[in-house]
Amino acid sequence: MTTDQIIALAASIGSCLAAVATFMTVLQIAKQRRAAYRPELVPLAISFRASIEPGDKTILPDYWVRVSDAFSDEKSEADTTWMAFTIPLMNIGLGAAKNIRASWSFAIEEFAHELNELAHGATIPTRFDYEPGSLSMQSPVLGPHYSAWSNQQKQTVDYVLPIELQREPKSPSGDFRPDCRVF
């Protein structure tokens, strides 16, 4: 092999390596671009205050109102409306989020058992009854309450647009309330 052939071979190998490095760089840029356009859902924090519904005869605070600051005594415009308990979502990614399914689980059977133990020593007689899919409370003072919580465990959202296009948070379809009463 002559010197000019060695130089040509080295230049060809160098060009091939540069082409492979450029191709890998282009693949990495494409991967980052796809990742940037993925939706990024963020649940928002909510401040709320529980109180007794005006005109209600029960002493159980089951009337929830959204407030701007839970530790503030100032009344806001939102204090006048009942708030269904939902978890609003914001999309901070660049792409739209579609067909969102949210689910939660809670050890409701153990919770009912613990509540019954606590109620046993309380001055107000109360009984919590757990059945698969529902929780009910019987009390001569607090009144009867029922929650069909199994139909609240899964919620859907059709879409959430990026924050640049949709400034208001999107809540799951339906409210996390069975009958306007919550525990």
N, C-alpha and C. Protein backbone atom coordinates (compact mmCIF):
# COMPACT_ATOMS: atom_id res chain seq x y z
N MET A 1 0.84 -1.17 0.00
CA MET A 1 0.00 0.00 0.00
C MET A 1 0.89 1.24 0.00
N THR A 2 0.55 2.15 -0.84
CA THR A 2 1.36 3.37 -0.94
C THR A 2 0.83 4.41 0.04
N THR A 3 1.60 5.45 0.19
CA THR A 3 1.25 6.52 1.13
C THR A 3 -0.06 7.20 0.74
N ASP A 4 -0.27 7.44 -0.53
CA ASP A 4 -1.49 8.11 -0.96
C ASP A 4 -2.72 7.22 -0.74
N GLN A 5 -2.55 5.90 -0.83
CA GLN A 5 -3.66 4.98 -0.57
C GLN A 5 -3.99 4.94 0.94
N ILE A 6 -2.94 5.00 1.78
CA ILE A 6 -3.15 5.02 3.23
C ILE A 6 -3.90 6.29 3.63
N ILE A 7 -3.50 7.42 3.03
CA ILE A 7 -4.17 8.69 3.33
C ILE A 7 -5.64 8.64 2.88
N ALA A 8 -5.89 8.09 1.70
CA ALA A 8 -7.26 7.98 1.19
C ALA A 8 -8.09 7.04 2.07
N LEU A 9 -7.49 5.93 2.52
CA LEU A 9 -8.20 5.00 3.40
C LEU A 9 -8.53 5.65 4.73
N ALA A 10 -7.58 6.37 5.31
CA ALA A 10 -7.80 7.06 6.59
C ALA A 10 -8.88 8.13 6.44
N ALA A 11 -8.86 8.86 5.31
CA ALA A 11 -9.89 9.88 5.07
C ALA A 11 -11.27 9.23 4.91
N SER A 12 -11.33 8.10 4.25
CA SER A 12 -12.60 7.41 4.07
C SER A 12 -13.14 6.89 5.40
N ILE A 13 -12.26 6.32 6.22
CA ILE A 13 -12.69 5.83 7.55
C ILE A 13 -13.15 7.00 8.41
N GLY A 14 -12.39 8.12 8.35
CA GLY A 14 -12.77 9.31 9.11
C GLY A 14 -14.12 9.86 8.67
N SER A 15 -14.36 9.88 7.36
CA SER A 15 -15.65 10.36 6.84
C SER A 15 -16.79 9.44 7.27
N CYS A 16 -16.54 8.14 7.25
CA CYS A 16 -17.56 7.17 7.67
C CYS A 16 -17.90 7.34 9.15
N LEU A 17 -16.87 7.52 9.99
CA LEU A 17 -17.11 7.74 11.42
C LEU A 17 -17.86 9.04 11.67
N ALA A 18 -17.52 10.09 10.92
CA ALA A 18 -18.22 11.37 11.05
C ALA A 18 -19.69 11.22 10.64
N ALA A 19 -19.96 10.44 9.59
CA ALA A 19 -21.34 10.22 9.15
C ALA A 19 -22.13 9.45 10.22
N VAL A 20 -21.51 8.44 10.83
CA VAL A 20 -22.18 7.67 11.88
C VAL A 20 -22.46 8.57 13.09
N ALA A 21 -21.50 9.41 13.48
CA ALA A 21 -21.69 10.32 14.61
C ALA A 21 -22.81 11.33 14.31
N THR A 22 -22.86 11.82 13.09
CA THR A 22 -23.92 12.76 12.70
C THR A 22 -25.28 12.07 12.74
N PHE A 23 -25.35 10.85 12.26
CA PHE A 23 -26.60 10.10 12.29
C PHE A 23 -27.07 9.87 13.73
N MET A 24 -26.15 9.52 14.63
CA MET A 24 -26.52 9.32 16.03
C MET A 24 -26.99 10.63 16.66
N THR A 25 -26.39 11.74 16.29
CA THR A 25 -26.81 13.05 16.80
C THR A 25 -28.22 13.38 16.32
N VAL A 26 -28.50 13.12 15.05
CA VAL A 26 -29.84 13.37 14.51
C VAL A 26 -30.87 12.49 15.20
N LEU A 27 -30.54 11.23 15.47
CA LEU A 27 -31.46 10.35 16.20
C LEU A 27 -31.74 10.88 17.61
N GLN A 28 -30.70 11.37 18.28
CA GLN A 28 -30.86 11.91 19.63
C GLN A 28 -31.72 13.17 19.62
N ILE A 29 -31.53 14.04 18.65
CA ILE A 29 -32.34 15.26 18.53
C ILE A 29 -33.80 14.90 18.28
N ALA A 30 -34.06 13.91 17.41
CA ALA A 30 -35.42 13.48 17.14
C ALA A 30 -36.07 12.89 18.39
N LYS A 31 -35.32 12.13 19.16
CA LYS A 31 -35.83 11.55 20.40
C LYS A 31 -36.18 12.65 21.40
N GLN A 32 -35.33 13.66 21.52
CA GLN A 32 -35.61 14.77 22.43
C GLN A 32 -36.82 15.58 21.97
N ARG A 33 -36.98 15.76 20.67
CA ARG A 33 -38.13 16.49 20.15
C ARG A 33 -39.42 15.74 20.44
N ARG A 34 -39.42 14.41 20.25
CA ARG A 34 -40.61 13.62 20.57
C ARG A 34 -40.91 13.70 22.06
N ALA A 35 -39.90 13.65 22.88
CA ALA A 35 -40.10 13.73 24.34
C ALA A 35 -40.66 15.10 24.74
N ALA A 36 -40.24 16.14 24.06
CA ALA A 36 -40.72 17.48 24.39
C ALA A 36 -42.21 17.63 24.09
N TYR A 37 -42.71 16.92 23.11
CA TYR A 37 -44.12 17.03 22.74
C TYR A 37 -45.01 16.03 23.45
N ARG A 38 -44.48 15.31 24.39
CA ARG A 38 -45.31 14.43 25.21
C ARG A 38 -46.06 15.27 26.24
N PRO A 39 -47.28 14.87 26.56
CA PRO A 39 -47.99 15.60 27.62
C PRO A 39 -47.37 15.33 28.98
N GLU A 40 -47.44 16.29 29.85
CA GLU A 40 -46.92 16.18 31.21
C GLU A 40 -48.02 16.67 32.15
N LEU A 41 -48.77 15.75 32.73
CA LEU A 41 -49.90 16.11 33.58
C LEU A 41 -49.45 16.35 35.02
N VAL A 42 -49.99 17.42 35.60
CA VAL A 42 -49.65 17.78 36.97
C VAL A 42 -50.95 18.01 37.74
N PRO A 43 -51.19 17.29 38.84
CA PRO A 43 -52.36 17.59 39.66
C PRO A 43 -52.12 18.87 40.46
N LEU A 44 -53.13 19.71 40.55
CA LEU A 44 -53.01 20.97 41.27
C LEU A 44 -53.47 20.81 42.71
N ALA A 45 -52.86 21.58 43.59
CA ALA A 45 -53.28 21.59 44.99
C ALA A 45 -54.54 22.44 45.12
N ILE A 46 -55.43 22.02 45.99
CA ILE A 46 -56.67 22.75 46.21
C ILE A 46 -56.78 23.05 47.70
N SER A 47 -57.17 24.26 48.03
CA SER A 47 -57.49 24.60 49.41
C SER A 47 -59.00 24.63 49.54
N PHE A 48 -59.52 23.99 50.57
CA PHE A 48 -60.97 23.98 50.76
C PHE A 48 -61.27 24.04 52.25
N ARG A 49 -62.49 24.39 52.54
CA ARG A 49 -62.95 24.47 53.93
C ARG A 49 -64.23 23.64 54.02
N ALA A 50 -64.32 22.80 55.02
CA ALA A 50 -65.52 22.00 55.24
C ALA A 50 -66.34 22.67 56.34
N SER A 51 -67.64 22.80 56.09
CA SER A 51 -68.52 23.39 57.09
C SER A 51 -69.89 22.73 56.96
N ILE A 52 -70.79 23.16 57.79
CA ILE A 52 -72.16 22.65 57.74
C ILE A 52 -72.90 23.46 56.69
N GLU A 53 -73.63 22.77 55.84
CA GLU A 53 -74.39 23.44 54.80
C GLU A 53 -75.44 24.35 55.44
N PRO A 54 -75.55 25.60 54.93
CA PRO A 54 -76.55 26.50 55.51
C PRO A 54 -77.95 25.90 55.43
N GLY A 55 -78.64 25.91 56.54
CA GLY A 55 -79.99 25.36 56.61
C GLY A 55 -80.04 23.86 56.87
N ASP A 56 -78.89 23.21 56.95
CA ASP A 56 -78.85 21.77 57.18
C ASP A 56 -78.97 21.51 58.68
N LYS A 57 -79.67 20.43 59.04
CA LYS A 57 -79.91 20.13 60.46
C LYS A 57 -78.84 19.23 61.06
N THR A 58 -77.95 18.71 60.24
CA THR A 58 -76.91 17.83 60.75
C THR A 58 -75.74 18.65 61.29
N ILE A 59 -74.95 18.03 62.15
CA ILE A 59 -73.76 18.72 62.65
C ILE A 59 -72.50 18.21 61.98
N LEU A 60 -72.66 17.37 60.96
CA LEU A 60 -71.54 16.81 60.23
C LEU A 60 -71.10 17.81 59.14
N PRO A 61 -69.84 18.26 59.16
CA PRO A 61 -69.40 19.25 58.15
C PRO A 61 -69.17 18.60 56.79
N ASP A 62 -70.22 18.58 55.98
CA ASP A 62 -70.13 17.94 54.67
C ASP A 62 -70.36 18.92 53.52
N TYR A 63 -70.24 20.19 53.79
CA TYR A 63 -70.38 21.23 52.78
C TYR A 63 -68.98 21.79 52.52
N TRP A 64 -68.43 21.51 51.33
CA TRP A 64 -67.06 21.89 51.03
C TRP A 64 -67.05 23.09 50.10
N VAL A 65 -66.25 24.10 50.46
CA VAL A 65 -66.10 25.27 49.60
C VAL A 65 -64.63 25.48 49.32
N ARG A 66 -64.34 25.87 48.10
CA ARG A 66 -62.97 26.15 47.70
C ARG A 66 -62.59 27.54 48.19
N VAL A 67 -61.41 27.65 48.74
CA VAL A 67 -60.91 28.95 49.20
C VAL A 67 -59.54 29.17 48.60
N SER A 68 -59.16 30.45 48.49
CA SER A 68 -57.85 30.75 47.93
C SER A 68 -56.75 30.42 48.93
N ASP A 69 -57.03 30.55 50.20
CA ASP A 69 -56.05 30.23 51.23
C ASP A 69 -56.80 29.58 52.39
N ALA A 70 -56.52 28.32 52.66
CA ALA A 70 -57.25 27.58 53.69
C ALA A 70 -57.02 28.17 55.08
N PHE A 71 -55.93 28.92 55.29
CA PHE A 71 -55.63 29.47 56.60
C PHE A 71 -56.09 30.91 56.74
N SER A 72 -56.76 31.43 55.73
CA SER A 72 -57.23 32.80 55.74
C SER A 72 -58.68 32.85 56.20
N ASP A 73 -59.03 33.89 56.98
CA ASP A 73 -60.41 34.06 57.42
C ASP A 73 -61.19 34.94 56.45
N GLU A 74 -60.53 35.49 55.44
CA GLU A 74 -61.21 36.35 54.48
C GLU A 74 -62.09 35.52 53.57
N LYS A 75 -63.28 36.03 53.30
CA LYS A 75 -64.21 35.35 52.40
C LYS A 75 -63.84 35.68 50.96
N SER A 76 -63.87 34.70 50.11
CA SER A 76 -63.63 34.92 48.69
C SER A 76 -64.92 34.66 47.94
N GLU A 77 -64.94 35.00 46.68
CA GLU A 77 -66.13 34.78 45.86
C GLU A 77 -66.46 33.30 45.76
N ALA A 78 -65.45 32.45 45.79
CA ALA A 78 -65.67 31.01 45.67
C ALA A 78 -66.26 30.41 46.94
N ASP A 79 -66.24 31.16 48.06
CA ASP A 79 -66.78 30.64 49.31
C ASP A 79 -68.30 30.48 49.25
N THR A 80 -68.96 31.04 48.27
CA THR A 80 -70.41 30.99 48.22
C THR A 80 -70.93 29.77 47.47
N THR A 81 -70.08 29.02 46.81
CA THR A 81 -70.55 27.88 46.02
C THR A 81 -70.03 26.57 46.60
N TRP A 82 -70.83 25.53 46.41
CA TRP A 82 -70.43 24.20 46.86
C TRP A 82 -69.39 23.65 45.91
N MET A 83 -68.37 23.03 46.45
CA MET A 83 -67.29 22.50 45.62
C MET A 83 -67.37 20.98 45.59
N ALA A 84 -67.55 20.43 44.41
CA ALA A 84 -67.42 18.99 44.26
C ALA A 84 -65.95 18.65 44.39
N PHE A 85 -65.65 17.60 45.09
CA PHE A 85 -64.25 17.25 45.32
C PHE A 85 -63.67 16.60 44.08
N THR A 86 -62.86 17.34 43.36
CA THR A 86 -62.16 16.82 42.19
C THR A 86 -60.70 17.26 42.29
N ILE A 87 -59.87 16.63 41.52
CA ILE A 87 -58.46 16.99 41.47
C ILE A 87 -58.19 17.56 40.08
N PRO A 88 -58.04 18.88 39.96
CA PRO A 88 -57.81 19.47 38.63
C PRO A 88 -56.43 19.10 38.09
N LEU A 89 -56.36 18.97 36.76
CA LEU A 89 -55.12 18.61 36.08
C LEU A 89 -54.70 19.74 35.15
N MET A 90 -53.40 19.99 35.10
CA MET A 90 -52.82 20.92 34.13
C MET A 90 -51.80 20.14 33.31
N ASN A 91 -51.70 20.49 32.04
CA ASN A 91 -50.75 19.84 31.14
C ASN A 91 -49.61 20.83 30.88
N ILE A 92 -48.44 20.57 31.46
CA ILE A 92 -47.31 21.47 31.28
C ILE A 92 -46.39 21.03 30.15
N GLY A 93 -46.77 19.95 29.45
CA GLY A 93 -46.02 19.50 28.28
C GLY A 93 -46.45 20.28 27.05
N LEU A 94 -45.85 19.98 25.92
CA LEU A 94 -46.19 20.68 24.68
C LEU A 94 -47.25 19.96 23.87
N GLY A 95 -47.51 18.70 24.15
CA GLY A 95 -48.50 17.93 23.39
C GLY A 95 -49.78 17.76 24.16
N ALA A 96 -50.88 17.51 23.46
CA ALA A 96 -52.18 17.28 24.10
C ALA A 96 -52.22 15.89 24.71
N ALA A 97 -52.81 15.79 25.89
CA ALA A 97 -53.02 14.49 26.55
C ALA A 97 -54.43 14.02 26.21
N LYS A 98 -54.55 12.77 25.76
CA LYS A 98 -55.85 12.25 25.33
C LYS A 98 -56.19 10.98 26.10
N ASN A 99 -57.48 10.78 26.27
CA ASN A 99 -58.01 9.55 26.89
C ASN A 99 -57.33 9.23 28.22
N ILE A 100 -57.44 10.13 29.16
CA ILE A 100 -56.79 9.98 30.47
C ILE A 100 -57.73 9.22 31.39
N ARG A 101 -57.18 8.22 32.07
CA ARG A 101 -57.93 7.44 33.04
C ARG A 101 -57.24 7.59 34.40
N ALA A 102 -57.99 8.06 35.38
CA ALA A 102 -57.47 8.22 36.73
C ALA A 102 -58.17 7.23 37.64
N SER A 103 -57.41 6.59 38.52
CA SER A 103 -58.02 5.68 39.48
C SER A 103 -57.30 5.84 40.82
N TRP A 104 -57.99 5.51 41.86
CA TRP A 104 -57.42 5.57 43.20
C TRP A 104 -57.92 4.38 44.00
N SER A 105 -57.20 4.06 45.04
CA SER A 105 -57.65 2.99 45.93
C SER A 105 -57.41 3.43 47.36
N PHE A 106 -58.22 2.90 48.23
CA PHE A 106 -58.19 3.29 49.63
C PHE A 106 -58.62 2.08 50.44
N ALA A 107 -57.98 1.86 51.54
CA ALA A 107 -58.32 0.71 52.40
C ALA A 107 -59.58 1.04 53.21
N ILE A 108 -60.71 1.09 52.51
CA ILE A 108 -61.96 1.54 53.12
C ILE A 108 -62.48 0.58 54.18
N GLU A 109 -62.25 -0.72 54.00
CA GLU A 109 -62.72 -1.69 54.99
C GLU A 109 -61.99 -1.50 56.32
N GLU A 110 -60.67 -1.33 56.27
CA GLU A 110 -59.90 -1.09 57.50
C GLU A 110 -60.26 0.26 58.11
N PHE A 111 -60.53 1.24 57.25
CA PHE A 111 -60.92 2.57 57.72
C PHE A 111 -62.25 2.51 58.47
N ALA A 112 -63.22 1.77 57.94
CA ALA A 112 -64.52 1.63 58.61
C ALA A 112 -64.36 0.93 59.96
N HIS A 113 -63.50 -0.09 60.00
CA HIS A 113 -63.26 -0.80 61.27
C HIS A 113 -62.64 0.15 62.30
N GLU A 114 -61.67 0.93 61.87
CA GLU A 114 -61.01 1.88 62.78
C GLU A 114 -61.99 2.97 63.24
N LEU A 115 -62.85 3.43 62.34
CA LEU A 115 -63.86 4.43 62.73
C LEU A 115 -64.83 3.86 63.76
N ASN A 116 -65.22 2.62 63.60
CA ASN A 116 -66.12 2.00 64.57
C ASN A 116 -65.45 1.88 65.94
N GLU A 117 -64.16 1.57 65.96
CA GLU A 117 -63.44 1.52 67.24
C GLU A 117 -63.36 2.89 67.89
N LEU A 118 -63.12 3.92 67.09
CA LEU A 118 -63.08 5.29 67.63
C LEU A 118 -64.46 5.74 68.09
N ALA A 119 -65.50 5.39 67.34
CA ALA A 119 -66.86 5.78 67.68
C ALA A 119 -67.34 5.08 68.95
N HIS A 120 -66.79 3.90 69.24
CA HIS A 120 -67.19 3.15 70.43
C HIS A 120 -66.90 3.95 71.70
N GLY A 121 -65.79 4.67 71.72
CA GLY A 121 -65.43 5.45 72.90
C GLY A 121 -65.94 6.88 72.84
N ALA A 122 -66.62 7.29 71.78
CA ALA A 122 -67.10 8.66 71.65
C ALA A 122 -68.43 8.84 72.37
N THR A 123 -68.76 10.09 72.64
CA THR A 123 -70.02 10.39 73.31
C THR A 123 -71.21 10.39 72.35
N ILE A 124 -70.95 10.46 71.05
CA ILE A 124 -72.02 10.43 70.05
C ILE A 124 -72.06 9.02 69.46
N PRO A 125 -73.13 8.27 69.65
CA PRO A 125 -73.18 6.91 69.11
C PRO A 125 -73.25 6.93 67.58
N THR A 126 -72.31 6.25 66.96
CA THR A 126 -72.23 6.21 65.51
C THR A 126 -71.78 4.81 65.09
N ARG A 127 -72.32 4.33 63.98
CA ARG A 127 -71.95 3.02 63.47
C ARG A 127 -71.67 3.13 61.98
N PHE A 128 -70.50 2.64 61.55
CA PHE A 128 -70.12 2.61 60.15
C PHE A 128 -70.24 1.19 59.65
N ASP A 129 -70.96 1.01 58.54
CA ASP A 129 -71.15 -0.32 57.96
C ASP A 129 -70.50 -0.34 56.59
N TYR A 130 -69.58 -1.29 56.43
CA TYR A 130 -68.90 -1.47 55.15
C TYR A 130 -69.52 -2.64 54.41
N GLU A 131 -69.84 -2.41 53.16
CA GLU A 131 -70.23 -3.47 52.24
C GLU A 131 -69.39 -3.25 51.00
N PRO A 132 -69.04 -4.29 50.27
CA PRO A 132 -68.21 -4.06 49.08
C PRO A 132 -68.83 -3.02 48.15
N GLY A 133 -68.11 -1.93 47.98
CA GLY A 133 -68.56 -0.86 47.10
C GLY A 133 -69.29 0.27 47.77
N SER A 134 -69.58 0.16 49.07
CA SER A 134 -70.30 1.24 49.73
C SER A 134 -69.93 1.32 51.21
N LEU A 135 -70.16 2.50 51.76
CA LEU A 135 -69.93 2.76 53.17
C LEU A 135 -71.12 3.58 53.67
N SER A 136 -71.71 3.16 54.77
CA SER A 136 -72.82 3.91 55.32
C SER A 136 -72.55 4.21 56.79
N MET A 137 -73.16 5.31 57.24
CA MET A 137 -73.02 5.73 58.63
C MET A 137 -74.41 5.90 59.22
N GLN A 138 -74.62 5.35 60.38
CA GLN A 138 -75.88 5.49 61.10
C GLN A 138 -75.60 6.16 62.44
N SER A 139 -76.29 7.26 62.69
CA SER A 139 -76.12 7.96 63.95
C SER A 139 -77.39 8.72 64.27
N PRO A 140 -77.90 8.59 65.51
CA PRO A 140 -79.11 9.33 65.85
C PRO A 140 -78.87 10.85 65.89
N VAL A 141 -77.63 11.27 66.13
CA VAL A 141 -77.33 12.70 66.21
C VAL A 141 -76.88 13.26 64.86
N LEU A 142 -75.98 12.55 64.18
CA LEU A 142 -75.43 13.03 62.92
C LEU A 142 -76.31 12.71 61.72
N GLY A 143 -77.22 11.79 61.88
CA GLY A 143 -78.09 11.41 60.78
C GLY A 143 -77.46 10.32 59.93
N PRO A 144 -78.24 9.75 59.02
CA PRO A 144 -77.70 8.70 58.15
C PRO A 144 -76.95 9.30 56.96
N HIS A 145 -75.87 8.66 56.58
CA HIS A 145 -75.09 9.06 55.40
C HIS A 145 -74.68 7.80 54.66
N TYR A 146 -74.62 7.92 53.35
CA TYR A 146 -74.27 6.78 52.51
C TYR A 146 -73.32 7.25 51.42
N SER A 147 -72.30 6.45 51.13
CA SER A 147 -71.37 6.75 50.05
C SER A 147 -71.13 5.50 49.23
N ALA A 148 -71.51 5.58 47.95
CA ALA A 148 -71.23 4.48 47.02
C ALA A 148 -69.88 4.78 46.39
N TRP A 149 -68.83 4.48 47.10
CA TRP A 149 -67.49 4.91 46.69
C TRP A 149 -66.93 4.11 45.52
N SER A 150 -67.48 2.93 45.24
CA SER A 150 -66.91 2.12 44.16
C SER A 150 -67.07 2.77 42.80
N ASN A 151 -68.14 3.57 42.60
CA ASN A 151 -68.32 4.24 41.31
C ASN A 151 -67.48 5.51 41.20
N GLN A 152 -66.74 5.84 42.25
CA GLN A 152 -65.90 7.02 42.25
C GLN A 152 -64.42 6.68 42.09
N GLN A 153 -64.08 5.42 42.01
CA GLN A 153 -62.67 5.02 41.98
C GLN A 153 -62.01 5.23 40.64
N LYS A 154 -62.77 5.32 39.56
CA LYS A 154 -62.19 5.50 38.23
C LYS A 154 -62.89 6.66 37.55
N GLN A 155 -62.11 7.57 37.02
CA GLN A 155 -62.64 8.74 36.32
C GLN A 155 -61.89 8.87 35.00
N THR A 156 -62.50 9.56 34.05
CA THR A 156 -61.86 9.75 32.75
C THR A 156 -61.88 11.22 32.36
N VAL A 157 -60.91 11.60 31.56
CA VAL A 157 -60.84 12.93 30.96
C VAL A 157 -60.56 12.70 29.48
N ASP A 158 -61.36 13.32 28.63
CA ASP A 158 -61.17 13.13 27.18
C ASP A 158 -59.84 13.68 26.71
N TYR A 159 -59.52 14.91 27.13
CA TYR A 159 -58.28 15.54 26.68
C TYR A 159 -57.90 16.67 27.64
N VAL A 160 -56.63 17.00 27.67
CA VAL A 160 -56.13 18.18 28.38
C VAL A 160 -55.12 18.82 27.44
N LEU A 161 -55.41 20.04 27.02
CA LEU A 161 -54.52 20.76 26.12
C LEU A 161 -53.32 21.31 26.88
N PRO A 162 -52.24 21.65 26.18
CA PRO A 162 -51.09 22.26 26.85
C PRO A 162 -51.48 23.57 27.52
N ILE A 163 -50.74 23.95 28.54
CA ILE A 163 -51.07 25.12 29.35
C ILE A 163 -51.10 26.41 28.52
N GLU A 164 -50.34 26.45 27.41
CA GLU A 164 -50.36 27.64 26.56
C GLU A 164 -51.73 27.82 25.91
N LEU A 165 -52.45 26.73 25.68
CA LEU A 165 -53.75 26.78 25.01
C LEU A 165 -54.93 26.71 25.96
N GLN A 166 -54.75 26.07 27.10
CA GLN A 166 -55.83 25.88 28.07
C GLN A 166 -55.33 26.32 29.44
N ARG A 167 -55.67 27.54 29.82
CA ARG A 167 -55.18 28.11 31.09
C ARG A 167 -55.92 27.56 32.30
N GLU A 168 -57.18 27.18 32.13
CA GLU A 168 -57.97 26.65 33.23
C GLU A 168 -57.69 25.16 33.42
N PRO A 169 -57.57 24.69 34.66
CA PRO A 169 -57.35 23.25 34.87
C PRO A 169 -58.56 22.44 34.45
N LYS A 170 -58.31 21.21 34.06
CA LYS A 170 -59.36 20.29 33.62
C LYS A 170 -59.59 19.28 34.74
N SER A 171 -60.86 19.04 35.08
CA SER A 171 -61.20 18.08 36.12
C SER A 171 -61.75 16.81 35.48
N PRO A 172 -61.58 15.67 36.17
CA PRO A 172 -62.15 14.43 35.64
C PRO A 172 -63.65 14.54 35.46
N SER A 173 -64.19 13.77 34.50
CA SER A 173 -65.63 13.81 34.25
C SER A 173 -66.36 13.24 35.45
N GLY A 174 -67.42 13.88 35.80
CA GLY A 174 -68.17 13.46 36.98
C GLY A 174 -67.51 14.01 38.23
N ASP A 175 -68.25 14.02 39.29
CA ASP A 175 -67.72 14.51 40.55
C ASP A 175 -67.42 13.34 41.45
N PHE A 176 -66.49 13.53 42.36
CA PHE A 176 -66.18 12.49 43.33
C PHE A 176 -67.17 12.60 44.48
N ARG A 177 -68.45 12.58 44.16
CA ARG A 177 -69.48 12.63 45.19
C ARG A 177 -70.64 11.77 44.76
N PRO A 178 -71.15 10.90 45.62
CA PRO A 178 -72.24 10.03 45.23
C PRO A 178 -73.59 10.71 45.33
N ASP A 179 -73.81 11.51 46.39
CA ASP A 179 -75.14 12.07 46.62
C ASP A 179 -75.06 13.41 47.32
N CYS A 180 -74.06 14.19 47.00
CA CYS A 180 -73.84 15.50 47.60
C CYS A 180 -73.44 15.42 49.07
N ARG A 181 -73.16 14.26 49.55
CA ARG A 181 -72.72 14.09 50.93
C ARG A 181 -71.40 13.35 50.90
N VAL A 182 -70.43 13.84 51.63
CA VAL A 182 -69.14 13.19 51.72
C VAL A 182 -68.77 13.03 53.17
N PHE A 183 -67.95 12.06 53.46
CA PHE A 183 -67.50 11.86 54.84
C PHE A 183 -66.32 12.73 55.11
